[in-house]
Amino acid sequence: MKEGLRDYFGRFGEVNECMVMRDPATKRARGFGFITFVDPASVDRVLATEEHELDGKKIDPKVAFPKRSQTKASL
């Protein structure tokens, strides 16, 4: 699954990292993952493509942003 994801998105630019999220208990794929491209312009190429299909299933790529730190402000 991970290699298929890497191969698919590799069409849009060089993939730096590919991660498929798995359930910690069952180790089964949770149905989503993350791709990091070497060149940020690759993201634009992915988003400019209307439909994406991988292994016979439609996929919906979105830009992911890191969660903000939840630390309290210092006084």
N, C-alpha and C. Protein backbone atom coordinates (compact mmCIF):
# COMPACT_ATOMS: atom_id res chain seq x y z
N MET A 1 0.82 -1.19 0.00
CA MET A 1 0.00 0.00 0.00
C MET A 1 0.87 1.27 0.00
N LYS A 2 1.88 1.29 0.87
CA LYS A 2 2.75 2.46 0.96
C LYS A 2 3.49 2.70 -0.35
N GLU A 3 3.99 1.63 -0.98
CA GLU A 3 4.71 1.80 -2.24
C GLU A 3 3.77 2.26 -3.35
N GLY A 4 2.53 1.78 -3.36
CA GLY A 4 1.56 2.23 -4.35
C GLY A 4 1.28 3.72 -4.20
N LEU A 5 1.19 4.17 -2.96
CA LEU A 5 0.96 5.58 -2.68
C LEU A 5 2.15 6.41 -3.14
N ARG A 6 3.34 5.94 -2.83
CA ARG A 6 4.57 6.64 -3.24
C ARG A 6 4.67 6.69 -4.77
N ASP A 7 4.38 5.57 -5.43
CA ASP A 7 4.45 5.52 -6.89
C ASP A 7 3.44 6.47 -7.52
N TYR A 8 2.21 6.46 -6.99
CA TYR A 8 1.16 7.31 -7.55
C TYR A 8 1.55 8.79 -7.45
N PHE A 9 1.91 9.23 -6.26
CA PHE A 9 2.22 10.64 -6.08
C PHE A 9 3.57 11.03 -6.65
N GLY A 10 4.41 10.05 -6.92
CA GLY A 10 5.69 10.31 -7.58
C GLY A 10 5.51 10.86 -8.98
N ARG A 11 4.34 10.67 -9.56
CA ARG A 11 4.05 11.24 -10.89
C ARG A 11 4.01 12.76 -10.86
N PHE A 12 3.75 13.31 -9.67
CA PHE A 12 3.59 14.76 -9.54
C PHE A 12 4.87 15.46 -9.09
N GLY A 13 5.85 14.68 -8.66
CA GLY A 13 7.12 15.23 -8.20
C GLY A 13 7.81 14.25 -7.27
N GLU A 14 9.06 14.55 -6.96
CA GLU A 14 9.84 13.64 -6.12
C GLU A 14 9.28 13.60 -4.70
N VAL A 15 8.99 12.39 -4.23
CA VAL A 15 8.44 12.19 -2.89
C VAL A 15 9.59 12.06 -1.89
N ASN A 16 9.54 12.88 -0.86
CA ASN A 16 10.55 12.82 0.20
C ASN A 16 10.17 11.78 1.25
N GLU A 17 8.89 11.76 1.63
CA GLU A 17 8.43 10.84 2.67
C GLU A 17 7.00 10.40 2.37
N CYS A 18 6.71 9.16 2.69
CA CYS A 18 5.37 8.60 2.50
C CYS A 18 5.02 7.82 3.76
N MET A 19 3.90 8.16 4.36
CA MET A 19 3.51 7.51 5.61
C MET A 19 2.03 7.12 5.55
N VAL A 20 1.73 5.85 5.77
CA VAL A 20 0.36 5.36 5.85
C VAL A 20 0.04 5.18 7.33
N MET A 21 -1.03 5.80 7.78
CA MET A 21 -1.40 5.71 9.19
C MET A 21 -2.08 4.37 9.46
N ARG A 22 -1.68 3.73 10.56
CA ARG A 22 -2.20 2.41 10.93
C ARG A 22 -2.76 2.44 12.34
N ASP A 23 -3.74 1.58 12.57
CA ASP A 23 -4.31 1.40 13.91
C ASP A 23 -3.23 0.75 14.78
N PRO A 24 -2.93 1.32 15.94
CA PRO A 24 -1.86 0.75 16.76
C PRO A 24 -2.16 -0.66 17.27
N ALA A 25 -3.43 -0.98 17.48
CA ALA A 25 -3.79 -2.29 18.00
C ALA A 25 -3.81 -3.36 16.92
N THR A 26 -4.46 -3.05 15.79
CA THR A 26 -4.65 -4.07 14.75
C THR A 26 -3.61 -3.99 13.64
N LYS A 27 -2.90 -2.87 13.56
CA LYS A 27 -1.91 -2.62 12.50
C LYS A 27 -2.53 -2.47 11.12
N ARG A 28 -3.86 -2.39 11.06
CA ARG A 28 -4.54 -2.19 9.77
C ARG A 28 -4.49 -0.72 9.39
N ALA A 29 -4.42 -0.47 8.08
CA ALA A 29 -4.41 0.90 7.58
C ALA A 29 -5.69 1.61 7.99
N ARG A 30 -5.56 2.87 8.38
CA ARG A 30 -6.71 3.66 8.83
C ARG A 30 -7.39 4.41 7.70
N GLY A 31 -6.87 4.28 6.49
CA GLY A 31 -7.53 4.90 5.34
C GLY A 31 -6.99 6.28 4.98
N PHE A 32 -5.89 6.68 5.60
CA PHE A 32 -5.27 7.94 5.21
C PHE A 32 -3.78 7.89 5.47
N GLY A 33 -3.09 8.85 4.90
CA GLY A 33 -1.65 8.90 5.06
C GLY A 33 -1.14 10.29 4.72
N PHE A 34 0.17 10.42 4.69
CA PHE A 34 0.80 11.70 4.43
C PHE A 34 1.92 11.53 3.42
N ILE A 35 2.01 12.48 2.50
CA ILE A 35 3.07 12.52 1.50
C ILE A 35 3.80 13.84 1.69
N THR A 36 5.11 13.81 1.71
CA THR A 36 5.91 15.02 1.74
C THR A 36 6.73 15.05 0.46
N PHE A 37 6.58 16.14 -0.29
CA PHE A 37 7.31 16.30 -1.54
C PHE A 37 8.60 17.07 -1.31
N VAL A 38 9.60 16.82 -2.15
CA VAL A 38 10.85 17.57 -2.11
C VAL A 38 10.57 19.02 -2.53
N ASP A 39 9.77 19.19 -3.58
CA ASP A 39 9.46 20.52 -4.12
C ASP A 39 8.01 20.87 -3.80
N PRO A 40 7.76 21.96 -3.07
CA PRO A 40 6.38 22.35 -2.74
C PRO A 40 5.48 22.55 -3.97
N ALA A 41 6.04 22.84 -5.13
CA ALA A 41 5.24 23.02 -6.34
C ALA A 41 4.52 21.72 -6.72
N SER A 42 5.03 20.60 -6.27
CA SER A 42 4.38 19.31 -6.56
C SER A 42 2.99 19.25 -5.95
N VAL A 43 2.82 19.90 -4.80
CA VAL A 43 1.51 19.93 -4.14
C VAL A 43 0.50 20.62 -5.05
N ASP A 44 0.91 21.72 -5.67
CA ASP A 44 0.02 22.44 -6.59
C ASP A 44 -0.40 21.55 -7.75
N ARG A 45 0.53 20.74 -8.26
CA ARG A 45 0.19 19.84 -9.37
C ARG A 45 -0.82 18.79 -8.92
N VAL A 46 -0.67 18.28 -7.71
CA VAL A 46 -1.64 17.30 -7.18
C VAL A 46 -3.01 17.95 -7.07
N LEU A 47 -3.06 19.12 -6.48
CA LEU A 47 -4.35 19.78 -6.25
C LEU A 47 -5.00 20.27 -7.54
N ALA A 48 -4.21 20.50 -8.58
CA ALA A 48 -4.75 20.94 -9.87
C ALA A 48 -5.41 19.80 -10.63
N THR A 49 -5.13 18.57 -10.23
CA THR A 49 -5.73 17.41 -10.87
C THR A 49 -7.07 17.15 -10.20
N GLU A 50 -8.15 17.10 -11.01
CA GLU A 50 -9.49 17.01 -10.43
C GLU A 50 -9.77 15.70 -9.71
N GLU A 51 -9.46 14.58 -10.34
CA GLU A 51 -9.79 13.29 -9.72
C GLU A 51 -8.54 12.45 -9.55
N HIS A 52 -8.49 11.77 -8.43
CA HIS A 52 -7.38 10.86 -8.14
C HIS A 52 -7.96 9.50 -7.79
N GLU A 53 -7.35 8.46 -8.34
CA GLU A 53 -7.79 7.09 -8.05
C GLU A 53 -6.56 6.23 -7.80
N LEU A 54 -6.62 5.45 -6.73
CA LEU A 54 -5.53 4.56 -6.37
C LEU A 54 -6.11 3.21 -5.98
N ASP A 55 -5.63 2.17 -6.60
CA ASP A 55 -6.12 0.80 -6.35
C ASP A 55 -7.64 0.70 -6.50
N GLY A 56 -8.17 1.40 -7.52
CA GLY A 56 -9.61 1.33 -7.80
C GLY A 56 -10.47 2.16 -6.87
N LYS A 57 -9.86 2.98 -6.01
CA LYS A 57 -10.63 3.80 -5.08
C LYS A 57 -10.30 5.27 -5.31
N LYS A 58 -11.35 6.10 -5.22
CA LYS A 58 -11.13 7.54 -5.32
C LYS A 58 -10.45 8.01 -4.04
N ILE A 59 -9.47 8.88 -4.21
CA ILE A 59 -8.80 9.47 -3.06
C ILE A 59 -8.92 10.98 -3.13
N ASP A 60 -8.88 11.63 -1.99
CA ASP A 60 -9.10 13.07 -1.91
C ASP A 60 -7.91 13.75 -1.22
N PRO A 61 -6.87 14.07 -1.99
CA PRO A 61 -5.69 14.71 -1.39
C PRO A 61 -6.01 16.10 -0.86
N LYS A 62 -5.44 16.41 0.28
CA LYS A 62 -5.60 17.73 0.90
C LYS A 62 -4.25 18.16 1.45
N VAL A 63 -4.08 19.45 1.60
CA VAL A 63 -2.86 19.96 2.22
C VAL A 63 -2.99 19.76 3.73
N ALA A 64 -1.95 19.24 4.34
CA ALA A 64 -1.94 19.04 5.79
C ALA A 64 -1.05 20.10 6.44
N PHE A 65 -1.49 20.57 7.57
CA PHE A 65 -0.73 21.55 8.33
C PHE A 65 -0.39 20.95 9.68
N PRO A 66 0.81 21.22 10.20
CA PRO A 66 1.16 20.68 11.52
C PRO A 66 0.24 21.25 12.60
N LYS A 67 -0.07 20.42 13.58
CA LYS A 67 -0.88 20.90 14.70
C LYS A 67 -0.08 21.93 15.47
N ARG A 68 -0.78 22.96 15.94
CA ARG A 68 -0.10 23.97 16.73
C ARG A 68 0.20 23.42 18.11
N SER A 69 1.28 23.87 18.67
CA SER A 69 1.65 23.45 20.02
C SER A 69 0.57 23.89 20.99
N GLN A 70 0.24 23.03 21.93
CA GLN A 70 -0.81 23.35 22.88
C GLN A 70 -0.23 23.74 24.24
N THR A 71 0.96 24.33 24.22
CA THR A 71 1.56 24.77 25.47
C THR A 71 0.92 26.06 25.93
N LYS A 72 0.86 26.25 27.24
CA LYS A 72 0.27 27.47 27.78
C LYS A 72 1.28 28.61 27.70
N ALA A 73 0.77 29.79 27.54
CA ALA A 73 1.64 30.97 27.48
C ALA A 73 2.29 31.20 28.84
N SER A 74 3.53 31.62 28.79
CA SER A 74 4.25 31.92 30.04
C SER A 74 3.81 33.27 30.55
N LEU A 75 3.78 33.41 31.86
CA LEU A 75 3.44 34.71 32.46
C LEU A 75 4.68 35.36 32.98
